[in-house]
Amino acid sequence: EIVAERDNLIKEKEVFVTERDNLIKEKEEIVAERDNLIKEKEVFVTERDNLIKEKEEIVAERDNVLKEKEGVSEERDTERKERERHQEEEREKFEKEIQELKEENVKLRKETETIQEQVKVLKEKKEKHKGHFKRLQEARERAFEGREEKIEEE
């Protein structure tokens, strides 16, 4: 009976170690997925910044083209004013879009920081669990050794 009990305890210990190893692997996978998401968001933010810069350059080029095309006659003057009005509307539209993109950029950066904090918390929990698992393993080993000593005494 004692040998069977000891064998059962050894099997339980092996199951516990396997479960612990699986949990550690799962946490490592979660951390890796978070890191990938953070990298993807950083790439997205960079692309958004580049788009904002391109739109600003387009607006500047349009302004230069309009200035070059301005004519002397009243027709051209009227057309120029109409184009300027249209250009101003476009500029306001682009500025609004740029502002929205900047706000989205800030939002994404905050989300990135939040994810980084979550990753940090997960790493801390992982470390706590390592200590907890170690203490449980030591307690089981002490209990197992105590039973062996009792068996030997008997």
C-alpha atoms as a PDB file:
ATOM      1  CA  GLU A   1       0.000   0.000   0.000  1.00  0.00           C
ATOM      2  CA  ILE A   2       2.771   2.404   0.924  1.00  0.00           C
ATOM      3  CA  VAL A   3       4.644   1.702  -2.307  1.00  0.00           C
ATOM      4  CA  ALA A   4       1.415   2.204  -4.281  1.00  0.00           C
ATOM      5  CA  GLU A   5       0.775   5.470  -2.426  1.00  0.00           C
ATOM      6  CA  ARG A   6       4.315   6.591  -3.160  1.00  0.00           C
ATOM      7  CA  ASP A   7       3.887   5.710  -6.850  1.00  0.00           C
ATOM      8  CA  ASN A   8       0.610   7.669  -6.936  1.00  0.00           C
ATOM      9  CA  LEU A   9       2.344  10.679  -5.373  1.00  0.00           C
ATOM     10  CA  ILE A  10       5.100  10.469  -7.964  1.00  0.00           C
ATOM     11  CA  LYS A  11       2.478  10.329 -10.742  1.00  0.00           C
ATOM     12  CA  GLU A  12       0.650  13.321  -9.229  1.00  0.00           C
ATOM     13  CA  LYS A  13       3.920  15.226  -9.106  1.00  0.00           C
ATOM     14  CA  GLU A  14       4.598  14.462 -12.769  1.00  0.00           C
ATOM     15  CA  VAL A  15       1.083  15.628 -13.729  1.00  0.00           C
ATOM     16  CA  PHE A  16       1.565  18.818 -11.722  1.00  0.00           C
ATOM     17  CA  VAL A  17       4.930  19.514 -13.380  1.00  0.00           C
ATOM     18  CA  THR A  18       3.402  18.907 -16.831  1.00  0.00           C
ATOM     19  CA  GLU A  19       0.491  21.256 -16.068  1.00  0.00           C
ATOM     20  CA  ARG A  20       2.922  23.899 -14.825  1.00  0.00           C
ATOM     21  CA  ASP A  21       5.051  23.603 -17.958  1.00  0.00           C
ATOM     22  CA  ASN A  22       1.936  23.922 -20.148  1.00  0.00           C
ATOM     23  CA  LEU A  23       0.834  27.058 -18.284  1.00  0.00           C
ATOM     24  CA  ILE A  24       4.284  28.581 -18.704  1.00  0.00           C
ATOM     25  CA  LYS A  25       4.198  27.823 -22.454  1.00  0.00           C
ATOM     26  CA  GLU A  26       0.735  29.385 -22.779  1.00  0.00           C
ATOM     27  CA  LYS A  27       1.887  32.544 -21.023  1.00  0.00           C
ATOM     28  CA  GLU A  28       4.940  32.785 -23.259  1.00  0.00           C
ATOM     29  CA  GLU A  29       2.689  32.462 -26.318  1.00  0.00           C
ATOM     30  CA  ILE A  30       0.396  35.202 -25.002  1.00  0.00           C
ATOM     31  CA  VAL A  31       3.347  37.506 -24.400  1.00  0.00           C
ATOM     32  CA  ALA A  32       4.663  36.796 -27.920  1.00  0.00           C
ATOM     33  CA  GLU A  33       1.236  37.565 -29.412  1.00  0.00           C
ATOM     34  CA  ARG A  34       1.069  40.836 -27.469  1.00  0.00           C
ATOM     35  CA  ASP A  35       4.538  41.803 -28.678  1.00  0.00           C
ATOM     36  CA  ASN A  36       3.485  41.115 -32.281  1.00  0.00           C
ATOM     37  CA  LEU A  37       0.353  43.248 -31.844  1.00  0.00           C
ATOM     38  CA  ILE A  38       2.422  46.088 -30.443  1.00  0.00           C
ATOM     39  CA  LYS A  39       4.781  45.890 -33.422  1.00  0.00           C
ATOM     40  CA  GLU A  40       1.858  45.855 -35.868  1.00  0.00           C
ATOM     41  CA  LYS A  41       0.329  48.910 -34.224  1.00  0.00           C
ATOM     42  CA  GLU A  42       3.655  50.747 -34.371  1.00  0.00           C
ATOM     43  CA  VAL A  43       3.872  50.002 -38.100  1.00  0.00           C
ATOM     44  CA  PHE A  44       0.284  51.213 -38.535  1.00  0.00           C
ATOM     45  CA  VAL A  45       1.044  54.450 -36.683  1.00  0.00           C
ATOM     46  CA  THR A  46       4.115  55.033 -38.864  1.00  0.00           C
ATOM     47  CA  GLU A  47       2.052  54.468 -42.007  1.00  0.00           C
ATOM     48  CA  ARG A  48      -0.581  56.917 -40.756  1.00  0.00           C
ATOM     49  CA  ASP A  49       2.107  59.544 -40.083  1.00  0.00           C
ATOM     50  CA  ASN A  50       3.464  59.061 -43.606  1.00  0.00           C
ATOM     51  CA  LEU A  51      -0.021  59.469 -45.095  1.00  0.00           C
ATOM     52  CA  ILE A  52      -0.507  62.682 -43.148  1.00  0.00           C
ATOM     53  CA  LYS A  53       2.775  64.046 -44.506  1.00  0.00           C
ATOM     54  CA  GLU A  54       1.841  63.056 -48.063  1.00  0.00           C
ATOM     55  CA  LYS A  55      -1.517  64.822 -47.789  1.00  0.00           C
ATOM     56  CA  GLU A  56       0.181  67.976 -46.509  1.00  0.00           C
ATOM     57  CA  GLU A  57       2.575  67.884 -49.474  1.00  0.00           C
ATOM     58  CA  ILE A  58      -0.321  67.447 -51.915  1.00  0.00           C
ATOM     59  CA  VAL A  59      -2.089  70.464 -50.436  1.00  0.00           C
ATOM     60  CA  ALA A  60       1.097  72.539 -50.778  1.00  0.00           C
ATOM     61  CA  GLU A  61       1.552  71.421 -54.406  1.00  0.00           C
ATOM     62  CA  ARG A  62      -2.049  72.314 -55.221  1.00  0.00           C
ATOM     63  CA  ASP A  63      -1.534  75.755 -53.709  1.00  0.00           C
ATOM     64  CA  ASN A  64       1.535  76.299 -55.898  1.00  0.00           C
ATOM     65  CA  VAL A  65      -0.286  75.112 -59.034  1.00  0.00           C
ATOM     66  CA  LEU A  66      -3.183  77.465 -58.335  1.00  0.00           C
ATOM     67  CA  LYS A  67      -0.845  80.406 -57.889  1.00  0.00           C
ATOM     68  CA  GLU A  68       0.884  79.641 -61.187  1.00  0.00           C
ATOM     69  CA  LYS A  69      -2.429  79.364 -63.073  1.00  0.00           C
ATOM     70  CA  GLU A  70      -3.886  82.639 -61.843  1.00  0.00           C
ATOM     71  CA  GLY A  71      -4.742  84.820 -64.810  1.00  0.00           C
ATOM     72  CA  VAL A  72      -5.024  88.539 -65.488  1.00  0.00           C
ATOM     73  CA  SER A  73      -8.550  88.715 -66.855  1.00  0.00           C
ATOM     74  CA  GLU A  74     -11.685  88.934 -64.750  1.00  0.00           C
ATOM     75  CA  GLU A  75     -12.806  85.515 -65.937  1.00  0.00           C
ATOM     76  CA  ARG A  76      -9.586  84.062 -64.758  1.00  0.00           C
ATOM     77  CA  ASP A  77      -9.814  86.150 -61.605  1.00  0.00           C
ATOM     78  CA  THR A  78     -13.302  84.745 -60.970  1.00  0.00           C
ATOM     79  CA  GLU A  79     -12.130  81.225 -61.734  1.00  0.00           C
ATOM     80  CA  ARG A  80      -9.143  81.750 -59.473  1.00  0.00           C
ATOM     81  CA  LYS A  81     -11.380  82.890 -56.629  1.00  0.00           C
ATOM     82  CA  GLU A  82     -13.625  79.906 -57.190  1.00  0.00           C
ATOM     83  CA  ARG A  83     -10.617  77.590 -57.198  1.00  0.00           C
ATOM     84  CA  GLU A  84      -9.267  79.251 -54.069  1.00  0.00           C
ATOM     85  CA  ARG A  85     -12.603  78.788 -52.365  1.00  0.00           C
ATOM     86  CA  HIS A  86     -12.681  75.172 -53.507  1.00  0.00           C
ATOM     87  CA  GLN A  87      -9.039  74.786 -52.488  1.00  0.00           C
ATOM     88  CA  GLU A  88      -9.797  76.254 -49.078  1.00  0.00           C
ATOM     89  CA  GLU A  89     -12.657  73.774 -48.665  1.00  0.00           C
ATOM     90  CA  GLU A  90     -10.330  70.971 -49.707  1.00  0.00           C
ATOM     91  CA  ARG A  91      -7.637  72.249 -47.361  1.00  0.00           C
ATOM     92  CA  GLU A  92     -10.115  72.393 -44.492  1.00  0.00           C
ATOM     93  CA  LYS A  93     -11.278  68.892 -45.366  1.00  0.00           C
ATOM     94  CA  PHE A  94      -7.687  67.631 -45.436  1.00  0.00           C
ATOM     95  CA  GLU A  95      -6.856  69.444 -42.195  1.00  0.00           C
ATOM     96  CA  LYS A  96      -9.893  67.845 -40.581  1.00  0.00           C
ATOM     97  CA  GLU A  97      -8.798  64.432 -41.856  1.00  0.00           C
ATOM     98  CA  ILE A  98      -5.255  65.121 -40.657  1.00  0.00           C
ATOM     99  CA  GLN A  99      -6.567  66.087 -37.223  1.00  0.00           C
ATOM    100  CA  GLU A 100      -8.661  62.923 -37.092  1.00  0.00           C
ATOM    101  CA  LEU A 101      -5.616  60.862 -38.071  1.00  0.00           C
ATOM    102  CA  LYS A 102      -3.555  62.561 -35.378  1.00  0.00           C
ATOM    103  CA  GLU A 103      -6.254  61.797 -32.806  1.00  0.00           C
ATOM    104  CA  GLU A 104      -6.346  58.192 -34.003  1.00  0.00           C
ATOM    105  CA  ASN A 105      -2.557  58.145 -33.715  1.00  0.00           C
ATOM    106  CA  VAL A 106      -2.750  59.312 -30.085  1.00  0.00           C
ATOM    107  CA  LYS A 107      -5.443  56.711 -29.384  1.00  0.00           C
ATOM    108  CA  LEU A 108      -3.290  53.950 -30.899  1.00  0.00           C
ATOM    109  CA  ARG A 109      -0.285  55.039 -28.864  1.00  0.00           C
ATOM    110  CA  LYS A 110      -2.381  54.904 -25.686  1.00  0.00           C
ATOM    111  CA  GLU A 111      -3.601  51.428 -26.646  1.00  0.00           C
ATOM    112  CA  THR A 112       0.008  50.411 -27.265  1.00  0.00           C
ATOM    113  CA  GLU A 113       0.983  51.670 -23.806  1.00  0.00           C
ATOM    114  CA  THR A 114      -1.952  49.786 -22.293  1.00  0.00           C
ATOM    115  CA  ILE A 115      -0.872  46.584 -24.030  1.00  0.00           C
ATOM    116  CA  GLN A 116       2.695  47.114 -22.848  1.00  0.00           C
ATOM    117  CA  GLU A 117       1.420  47.508 -19.281  1.00  0.00           C
ATOM    118  CA  GLN A 118      -0.657  44.334 -19.649  1.00  0.00           C
ATOM    119  CA  VAL A 119       2.398  42.469 -20.893  1.00  0.00           C
ATOM    120  CA  LYS A 120       4.337  43.744 -17.875  1.00  0.00           C
ATOM    121  CA  VAL A 121       1.562  42.541 -15.538  1.00  0.00           C
ATOM    122  CA  LEU A 122       1.511  39.141 -17.256  1.00  0.00           C
ATOM    123  CA  LYS A 123       5.273  38.846 -16.823  1.00  0.00           C
ATOM    124  CA  GLU A 124       4.954  39.734 -13.135  1.00  0.00           C
ATOM    125  CA  LYS A 125       2.184  37.153 -12.705  1.00  0.00           C
ATOM    126  CA  LYS A 126       4.345  34.614 -14.480  1.00  0.00           C
ATOM    127  CA  GLU A 127       7.149  35.269 -11.992  1.00  0.00           C
ATOM    128  CA  LYS A 128       4.712  34.963  -9.060  1.00  0.00           C
ATOM    129  CA  HIS A 129       3.430  31.669 -10.429  1.00  0.00           C
ATOM    130  CA  LYS A 130       6.967  30.379 -10.781  1.00  0.00           C
ATOM    131  CA  GLY A 131       7.537  31.064  -7.067  1.00  0.00           C
ATOM    132  CA  HIS A 132       4.170  29.548  -6.160  1.00  0.00           C
ATOM    133  CA  PHE A 133       4.821  26.421  -8.200  1.00  0.00           C
ATOM    134  CA  LYS A 134       8.279  26.113  -6.641  1.00  0.00           C
ATOM    135  CA  ARG A 135       6.871  26.383  -3.113  1.00  0.00           C
ATOM    136  CA  LEU A 136       4.150  23.813  -3.893  1.00  0.00           C
ATOM    137  CA  GLN A 137       6.730  21.458  -5.342  1.00  0.00           C
ATOM    138  CA  GLU A 138       8.969  21.864  -2.289  1.00  0.00           C
ATOM    139  CA  ALA A 139       6.020  21.247   0.047  1.00  0.00           C
ATOM    140  CA  ARG A 140       5.086  18.070  -1.843  1.00  0.00           C
ATOM    141  CA  GLU A 141       8.687  16.904  -1.745  1.00  0.00           C
ATOM    142  CA  ARG A 142       8.885  17.544   2.013  1.00  0.00           C
ATOM    143  CA  ALA A 143       5.607  15.674   2.521  1.00  0.00           C
ATOM    144  CA  PHE A 144       6.853  12.858   0.354  1.00  0.00           C
ATOM    145  CA  GLU A 145      10.143  12.718   2.288  1.00  0.00           C
ATOM    146  CA  GLY A 146       8.231  12.758   5.581  1.00  0.00           C
ATOM    147  CA  ARG A 147       6.159   9.778   4.441  1.00  0.00           C
ATOM    148  CA  GLU A 148       9.287   7.942   3.332  1.00  0.00           C
ATOM    149  CA  GLU A 149      10.852   8.550   6.745  1.00  0.00           C
ATOM    150  CA  LYS A 150       7.710   7.204   8.456  1.00  0.00           C
ATOM    151  CA  ILE A 151       7.817   4.189   6.189  1.00  0.00           C
ATOM    152  CA  GLU A 152      11.468   3.593   7.017  1.00  0.00           C
ATOM    153  CA  GLU A 153      10.771   3.982  10.750  1.00  0.00           C
ATOM    154  CA  GLU A 154       7.962   1.465  10.562  1.00  0.00           C
END
